[in-house]
Amino acid sequence: MAKERLHLVEVSVRDGLQNEPEILPTHTKLSMIDLALEAGFKRMEAGSFVNPARVPAMADSAEVFANLKGRRDGVFIALALNLRGLDRAIEAGALEVNYVFCCSDGFSIRNNGVSVAESLKAWPEAVAKAKGANVRLSATLSTAFGCPFDGEVAVSQVAAIVGTVAAESPFEIALADTIGVAAPNDVKERFAVAMAIAPAVQWRAHFHNTRNTGLANAVAAVEQGVRVLDGSLAGIGGCPFAPGAAGNVPSEDLIYMFERMGFDTGVDLDAAIAAARFIGEALGKRTPGMVSRAGGFPKRAVAGGVP
């Protein structure tokens, strides 16, 4: 019997690097992308078209995308917060754009520069622009589980935003735990509500491991029916505008766990571990991922050594 497929979106080059004090050169980012492709990742965030003065690590995103043309099969995603960012992503040749909304005004004003209501006004135009350019458009709802400035975010608030975003029929919507505050019951509750509002949309989950609940939340999302998860090789990442929001869920940890649970991720664990270790070396530090330190499941010992 074939294993069920679980799709992983690799975000280390964008969400992983944006909060790192060390700004990596373009050629190193391209090496990260190549290693992820070799491991078997099919979709990955390759850059962010935001204000380079505010997020200097993403200042070379247009150059990154220029160098991706002609590379082996892969879907390279650009992130945008507004119409200007979407225009820049399209100009750079991105074929998929992840458009980000916030679920709380406190974070939206600091991260997107406008209130939640103001950001949503641009959504129909963003969808029209993307369709006109033959660009696939997804939406991420950040702070869907809690805000570093406003605290609790009501389920009803998330539901209202899901309804507005889903009305324009994006192919995918993600709920993001931007600051890593969710527990599994939160994940199940919010995805249940969101999926009831937009059952035809593909759903994706984005978790941060700030409070060591990321893997548990990933399991909860999958149990709720989500089949697309974001991860960051080596567990690097965080948002510059969310105090203390360090660390995405490590991709290699997701691969190990879900493969052991009987899913097919389509990614080679050993190659993912090698890619995670490359990132740690490039950043010159010990990274948070656990499986990249410990390795995969121990192989059976045989005479003459390990096969």
Protein backbone atom coordinates (compact mmCIF):
# COMPACT_ATOMS: atom_id res chain seq x y z
CA MET A 1 0.00 0.00 0.00
CA ALA A 2 1.39 3.39 -1.03
CA LYS A 3 2.18 5.85 1.71
CA GLU A 4 0.20 9.09 1.87
CA ARG A 5 2.12 12.10 0.58
CA LEU A 6 2.90 15.00 2.90
CA HIS A 7 4.25 18.06 1.11
CA LEU A 8 6.96 20.18 2.72
CA VAL A 9 7.70 23.77 1.71
CA GLU A 10 11.30 24.73 2.46
CA VAL A 11 11.57 28.30 3.81
CA SER A 12 15.18 28.55 5.06
CA VAL A 13 16.39 30.90 2.32
CA ARG A 14 13.64 33.42 3.10
CA ASP A 15 12.10 33.05 6.55
CA GLY A 16 15.16 31.24 7.80
CA LEU A 17 17.69 33.92 6.90
CA GLN A 18 15.68 37.12 7.34
CA ASN A 19 16.26 37.31 11.09
CA GLU A 20 19.89 36.17 11.11
CA PRO A 21 22.54 38.79 12.02
CA GLU A 22 24.86 37.21 9.44
CA ILE A 23 23.85 38.29 5.92
CA LEU A 24 24.80 35.51 3.54
CA PRO A 25 25.96 36.28 -0.02
CA THR A 26 23.76 35.39 -2.98
CA HIS A 27 25.95 32.48 -4.06
CA THR A 28 25.55 30.85 -0.64
CA LYS A 29 21.77 31.19 -0.84
CA LEU A 30 21.87 29.55 -4.27
CA SER A 31 23.95 26.71 -2.81
CA MET A 32 21.31 26.27 -0.11
CA ILE A 33 18.64 26.07 -2.80
CA ASP A 34 20.63 23.55 -4.82
CA LEU A 35 21.16 21.32 -1.77
CA ALA A 36 17.43 21.48 -0.96
CA LEU A 37 16.56 20.54 -4.55
CA GLU A 38 19.00 17.64 -4.45
CA ALA A 39 17.36 16.44 -1.22
CA GLY A 40 13.98 16.37 -2.96
CA PHE A 41 12.20 19.57 -1.92
CA LYS A 42 9.90 20.75 -4.71
CA ARG A 43 8.64 24.08 -3.34
CA MET A 44 10.75 26.61 -1.50
CA GLU A 45 10.73 30.27 -0.55
CA ALA A 46 13.63 31.92 -2.35
CA GLY A 47 13.25 35.57 -1.42
CA SER A 48 11.15 38.41 -0.06
CA PHE A 49 10.23 41.63 -1.86
CA VAL A 50 9.99 43.94 1.10
CA ASN A 51 11.77 47.14 2.09
CA PRO A 52 15.50 46.23 1.98
CA ALA A 53 16.28 48.86 4.61
CA ARG A 54 14.04 47.00 7.06
CA VAL A 55 15.05 43.47 6.04
CA PRO A 56 18.58 43.77 4.62
CA ALA A 57 19.04 40.00 4.41
CA MET A 58 16.47 39.99 1.57
CA ALA A 59 17.96 42.90 -0.40
CA ASP A 60 19.32 40.55 -3.09
CA SER A 61 16.04 38.71 -3.74
CA ALA A 62 15.79 39.92 -7.35
CA GLU A 63 19.32 38.65 -7.97
CA VAL A 64 18.46 35.30 -6.41
CA PHE A 65 15.44 34.88 -8.69
CA ALA A 66 17.45 35.95 -11.73
CA ASN A 67 19.87 33.10 -11.01
CA LEU A 68 17.08 30.54 -10.60
CA LYS A 69 15.98 30.69 -14.22
CA GLY A 70 16.85 27.45 -15.94
CA ARG A 71 17.54 25.56 -12.71
CA ARG A 72 16.17 22.06 -12.29
CA ASP A 73 12.51 21.44 -11.55
CA GLY A 74 11.36 23.41 -8.56
CA VAL A 75 8.73 25.96 -7.56
CA PHE A 76 10.41 29.05 -6.15
CA ILE A 77 8.19 31.26 -4.03
CA ALA A 78 8.52 34.99 -3.45
CA LEU A 79 6.99 36.73 -0.45
CA ALA A 80 5.14 40.04 -0.68
CA LEU A 81 3.34 42.21 1.87
CA ASN A 82 1.67 44.65 -0.50
CA LEU A 83 1.00 45.48 -4.15
CA ARG A 84 4.41 47.05 -4.65
CA GLY A 85 6.10 43.91 -3.38
CA LEU A 86 3.91 41.79 -5.65
CA ASP A 87 4.89 43.93 -8.65
CA ARG A 88 8.57 43.55 -7.81
CA ALA A 89 8.22 39.78 -7.40
CA ILE A 90 6.51 39.48 -10.78
CA GLU A 91 9.17 41.67 -12.40
CA ALA A 92 11.86 39.41 -10.93
CA GLY A 93 10.29 36.38 -12.59
CA ALA A 94 8.64 34.68 -9.61
CA LEU A 95 5.99 32.21 -10.72
CA GLU A 96 4.48 31.85 -7.25
CA VAL A 97 3.95 34.60 -4.68
CA ASN A 98 3.01 34.19 -1.04
CA TYR A 99 1.05 37.30 -0.02
CA VAL A 100 1.04 37.90 3.73
CA PHE A 101 -1.75 39.31 5.87
CA CYS A 102 -1.76 39.67 9.64
CA CYS A 103 -4.54 38.69 12.01
CA SER A 104 -3.81 41.46 14.52
CA ASP A 105 -3.49 45.21 14.04
CA GLY A 106 -0.54 45.52 16.41
CA PHE A 107 1.59 43.26 14.27
CA SER A 108 0.12 44.36 10.93
CA ILE A 109 1.07 47.99 11.52
CA ARG A 110 4.64 47.07 12.47
CA ASN A 111 5.16 44.34 9.85
CA ASN A 112 2.97 45.44 6.91
CA GLY A 113 2.80 49.16 7.64
CA VAL A 114 -1.01 49.25 7.63
CA SER A 115 -3.94 47.92 9.65
CA VAL A 116 -5.49 44.54 8.90
CA ALA A 117 -8.51 46.16 7.26
CA GLU A 118 -6.33 48.38 5.08
CA SER A 119 -4.19 45.47 3.93
CA LEU A 120 -7.25 43.41 2.98
CA LYS A 121 -8.54 46.19 0.71
CA ALA A 122 -5.67 45.51 -1.70
CA TRP A 123 -6.37 41.77 -1.96
CA PRO A 124 -8.76 41.77 -4.97
CA GLU A 125 -6.27 43.87 -6.94
CA ALA A 126 -3.41 41.59 -5.92
CA VAL A 127 -5.35 38.55 -7.17
CA ALA A 128 -6.10 40.30 -10.46
CA LYS A 129 -2.44 41.28 -10.93
CA ALA A 130 -1.26 37.74 -10.27
CA LYS A 131 -3.78 36.23 -12.66
CA GLY A 132 -2.84 38.73 -15.33
CA ALA A 133 0.82 37.76 -14.99
CA ASN A 134 0.04 34.01 -14.83
CA VAL A 135 1.52 33.87 -11.33
CA ARG A 136 0.18 31.48 -8.71
CA LEU A 137 -0.89 33.33 -5.57
CA SER A 138 -1.15 31.96 -2.06
CA ALA A 139 -1.94 33.78 1.18
CA THR A 140 -0.42 33.43 4.63
CA LEU A 141 -2.29 34.69 7.69
CA SER A 142 0.40 35.55 10.20
CA THR A 143 -0.21 35.89 13.96
CA ALA A 144 -3.16 33.52 13.50
CA PHE A 145 -2.53 32.05 16.96
CA GLY A 146 -1.33 35.06 18.93
CA CYS A 147 0.30 38.49 18.61
CA PRO A 148 3.41 39.83 20.35
CA PHE A 149 1.71 43.21 20.78
CA ASP A 150 -2.04 42.51 21.04
CA GLY A 151 -1.84 39.19 22.86
CA GLU A 152 -4.69 36.77 22.21
CA VAL A 153 -6.17 36.74 18.71
CA ALA A 154 -9.80 35.66 18.67
CA VAL A 155 -10.82 32.70 16.55
CA SER A 156 -13.60 34.89 15.16
CA GLN A 157 -11.00 37.40 13.92
CA VAL A 158 -9.09 34.67 12.11
CA ALA A 159 -12.33 33.31 10.67
CA ALA A 160 -13.34 36.72 9.31
CA ILE A 161 -9.98 37.15 7.57
CA VAL A 162 -10.13 33.64 6.15
CA GLY A 163 -13.55 34.46 4.69
CA THR A 164 -12.30 37.65 3.04
CA VAL A 165 -9.16 36.03 1.63
CA ALA A 166 -10.92 32.85 0.47
CA ALA A 167 -13.55 34.90 -1.40
CA GLU A 168 -10.89 35.62 -4.07
CA SER A 169 -10.13 31.89 -4.50
CA PRO A 170 -6.37 31.67 -3.91
CA PHE A 171 -5.06 28.17 -4.51
CA GLU A 172 -3.68 27.94 -0.96
CA ILE A 173 -4.01 29.62 2.45
CA ALA A 174 -1.64 29.13 5.37
CA LEU A 175 -2.25 29.76 9.05
CA ALA A 176 1.00 30.88 10.67
CA ASP A 177 2.06 30.78 14.29
CA THR A 178 4.45 33.68 13.84
CA ILE A 179 5.63 33.82 17.44
CA GLY A 180 5.35 30.16 18.40
CA VAL A 181 2.60 30.38 21.02
CA ALA A 182 0.13 27.76 19.77
CA ALA A 183 -0.67 24.45 21.42
CA PRO A 184 -2.11 21.47 19.51
CA ASN A 185 -5.69 22.20 20.61
CA ASP A 186 -5.36 25.74 19.19
CA VAL A 187 -4.16 24.30 15.90
CA LYS A 188 -7.02 21.84 15.58
CA GLU A 189 -9.64 24.43 16.54
CA ARG A 190 -8.48 27.13 14.13
CA PHE A 191 -7.89 24.86 11.19
CA ALA A 192 -11.29 23.24 11.74
CA VAL A 193 -12.95 26.65 11.60
CA ALA A 194 -10.90 27.79 8.60
CA MET A 195 -11.48 24.59 6.62
CA ALA A 196 -15.23 24.82 7.21
CA ILE A 197 -15.21 28.33 5.74
CA ALA A 198 -13.10 27.42 2.70
CA PRO A 199 -13.20 23.65 2.10
CA ALA A 200 -12.02 23.91 -1.51
CA VAL A 201 -8.78 25.73 -0.66
CA GLN A 202 -5.49 23.89 -0.17
CA TRP A 203 -4.39 24.46 3.42
CA ARG A 204 -0.84 24.92 4.67
CA ALA A 205 0.58 25.30 8.19
CA HIS A 206 3.55 27.40 9.27
CA PHE A 207 4.89 26.91 12.79
CA HIS A 208 7.69 28.39 14.84
CA ASN A 209 9.31 26.36 17.59
CA THR A 210 9.83 29.31 19.93
CA ARG A 211 8.26 27.52 22.89
CA ASN A 212 9.11 23.96 21.79
CA THR A 213 5.60 23.14 20.54
CA GLY A 214 6.32 23.23 16.81
CA LEU A 215 6.48 19.49 16.14
CA ALA A 216 3.41 18.77 18.27
CA ASN A 217 1.54 21.48 16.39
CA ALA A 218 2.61 20.01 13.05
CA VAL A 219 1.13 16.65 14.07
CA ALA A 220 -2.07 18.38 15.16
CA ALA A 221 -2.36 20.14 11.80
CA VAL A 222 -1.88 16.88 9.90
CA GLU A 223 -4.44 15.15 12.11
CA GLN A 224 -6.83 17.95 11.18
CA GLY A 225 -6.30 17.27 7.48
CA VAL A 226 -3.50 19.68 6.51
CA ARG A 227 -1.12 18.11 3.99
CA VAL A 228 1.29 21.00 3.34
CA LEU A 229 3.74 22.14 6.03
CA ASP A 230 6.44 24.80 6.06
CA GLY A 231 9.83 23.96 7.52
CA SER A 232 13.29 25.50 7.63
CA LEU A 233 16.41 23.39 7.31
CA ALA A 234 18.48 23.52 10.51
CA GLY A 235 15.55 25.22 12.29
CA ILE A 236 16.80 28.71 11.54
CA GLY A 237 14.45 31.66 11.25
CA GLY A 238 12.17 34.14 12.90
CA CYS A 239 10.51 37.46 12.19
CA PRO A 240 12.50 40.69 12.70
CA PHE A 241 9.32 42.47 13.83
CA ALA A 242 8.14 39.87 16.35
CA PRO A 243 10.23 40.05 19.54
CA GLY A 244 11.58 36.65 20.54
CA ALA A 245 10.04 34.79 17.59
CA ALA A 246 13.07 32.67 16.94
CA GLY A 247 13.27 29.40 15.11
CA ASN A 248 11.09 27.74 12.48
CA VAL A 249 10.31 24.06 12.79
CA PRO A 250 13.39 22.22 11.44
CA SER A 251 12.63 20.55 8.11
CA GLU A 252 14.83 17.57 8.89
CA ASP A 253 12.95 17.02 12.17
CA LEU A 254 9.63 17.06 10.27
CA ILE A 255 10.97 14.60 7.71
CA TYR A 256 12.21 12.18 10.35
CA MET A 257 9.02 12.31 12.41
CA PHE A 258 6.49 12.03 9.61
CA GLU A 259 8.41 9.37 7.71
CA ARG A 260 8.47 7.31 10.93
CA MET A 261 4.72 7.95 11.19
CA GLY A 262 4.20 6.38 7.77
CA PHE A 263 4.01 9.40 5.48
CA ASP A 264 6.01 9.97 2.31
CA THR A 265 7.61 13.42 2.27
CA GLY A 266 9.52 12.83 -0.97
CA VAL A 267 12.67 14.20 0.68
CA ASP A 268 15.81 12.20 1.46
CA LEU A 269 16.58 12.61 5.16
CA ASP A 270 20.35 12.16 4.89
CA ALA A 271 20.53 14.81 2.14
CA ALA A 272 18.37 17.16 4.21
CA ILE A 273 20.69 16.67 7.20
CA ALA A 274 23.69 17.48 5.00
CA ALA A 275 21.93 20.64 3.79
CA ALA A 276 21.12 21.66 7.38
CA ARG A 277 24.74 21.18 8.42
CA PHE A 278 25.87 23.29 5.45
CA ILE A 279 23.63 26.09 6.70
CA GLY A 280 25.10 25.89 10.19
CA GLU A 281 28.61 26.10 8.75
CA ALA A 282 27.65 29.03 6.53
CA LEU A 283 26.22 30.92 9.51
CA GLY A 284 29.10 29.88 11.74
CA LYS A 285 26.95 28.67 14.60
CA ARG A 286 25.17 25.70 16.10
CA THR A 287 21.64 25.63 14.72
CA PRO A 288 18.45 24.51 16.55
CA GLY A 289 17.59 21.43 14.49
CA MET A 290 17.84 18.22 16.51
CA VAL A 291 17.92 15.54 13.80
CA SER A 292 20.79 17.29 12.03
CA ARG A 293 22.78 16.82 15.26
CA ALA A 294 21.71 13.27 16.12
CA GLY A 295 21.24 11.81 12.66
CA GLY A 296 18.44 9.53 11.51
CA PHE A 297 17.29 6.25 13.01
CA PRO A 298 20.29 4.06 13.96
CA LYS A 299 21.08 1.43 11.38
CA ARG A 300 21.38 -2.18 12.48
CA ALA A 301 24.93 -3.16 13.35
CA VAL A 302 26.41 -6.06 11.37
CA ALA A 303 29.70 -7.85 11.40
CA GLY A 304 32.37 -5.56 10.06
CA GLY A 305 30.52 -2.37 10.92
CA VAL A 306 27.35 -0.54 10.03
CA PRO A 307 26.03 -1.18 6.49
